[in-house]
């Protein structure tokens, strides 16, 4: 697919289609978006609302086919394969596991990903400057912006000296983010301790350790597993009185 055609289709999913689509002629095929996630979330409605503001009314001049793996009980690969067979014009994939699934399912349908870490580390794109392939999107990689979360915590609590990090070591973006935080910590004036979690039992053990150690703040590095445990983490932080930064600052980029 030519790069110009690719960007045109991607811009559709990004909410920047031309308003001329409002006046589609009878019989004209409506654009189709395949939208795959684990479970419905508030941003999904924001996506629909923005399309509506741009003149795209679902069911009238646009078709959005939603797939939710947690609701269906099917694997990511099964949902991705089924979605690709429906032949959407573009696919929007939420989080890295589903981005991987649709990437494996098609090399021709344009894919826009959101809520993932480092797309280069995951192997989704060749580089940020020249992604290549059929993927583009928005990264939540924090190797450059992550230390800002430490700065915000320090501004909120000037006396803060010790911060505990909760992160998933199985995430390819975890190590670059922690390295960036280690570099930024002395500048902010804090010391870091890392607590790796990759399953529910790990998180329970980390909670027990944090309750005893009592750091001055928590810093949670974004990850799909960690996201599924957000309610537990926030409840624990609220009960124990820990200031926390669940830092989802995002770096935006797209195919040039």
Foldseek 3Di string as FASTA:
>chain_A
DDPVVLVQLVVVQVLNHALVLLPDDPPDDAAEEEEEEADDDVVVVVSQVSNVVSRDDDPPRYDYHYYHCNVVVDDLLVRLLVSVVVPGQAYEYEEDVNLVNVVVNDQPRAYEYPQYEDCCLSVQAVDQAARDTRYWYWHLHCLPPLLVLVLVLCVVPVVAAEEEEEEAPVRSSVVSSVVSNVVSCVVSRYDYDYQHDDDPVSVVVVLVVCLVVVHQAYEYEGHPVVVVCVVVVVVSCVVSVHHYDPDRDIDHGTHD
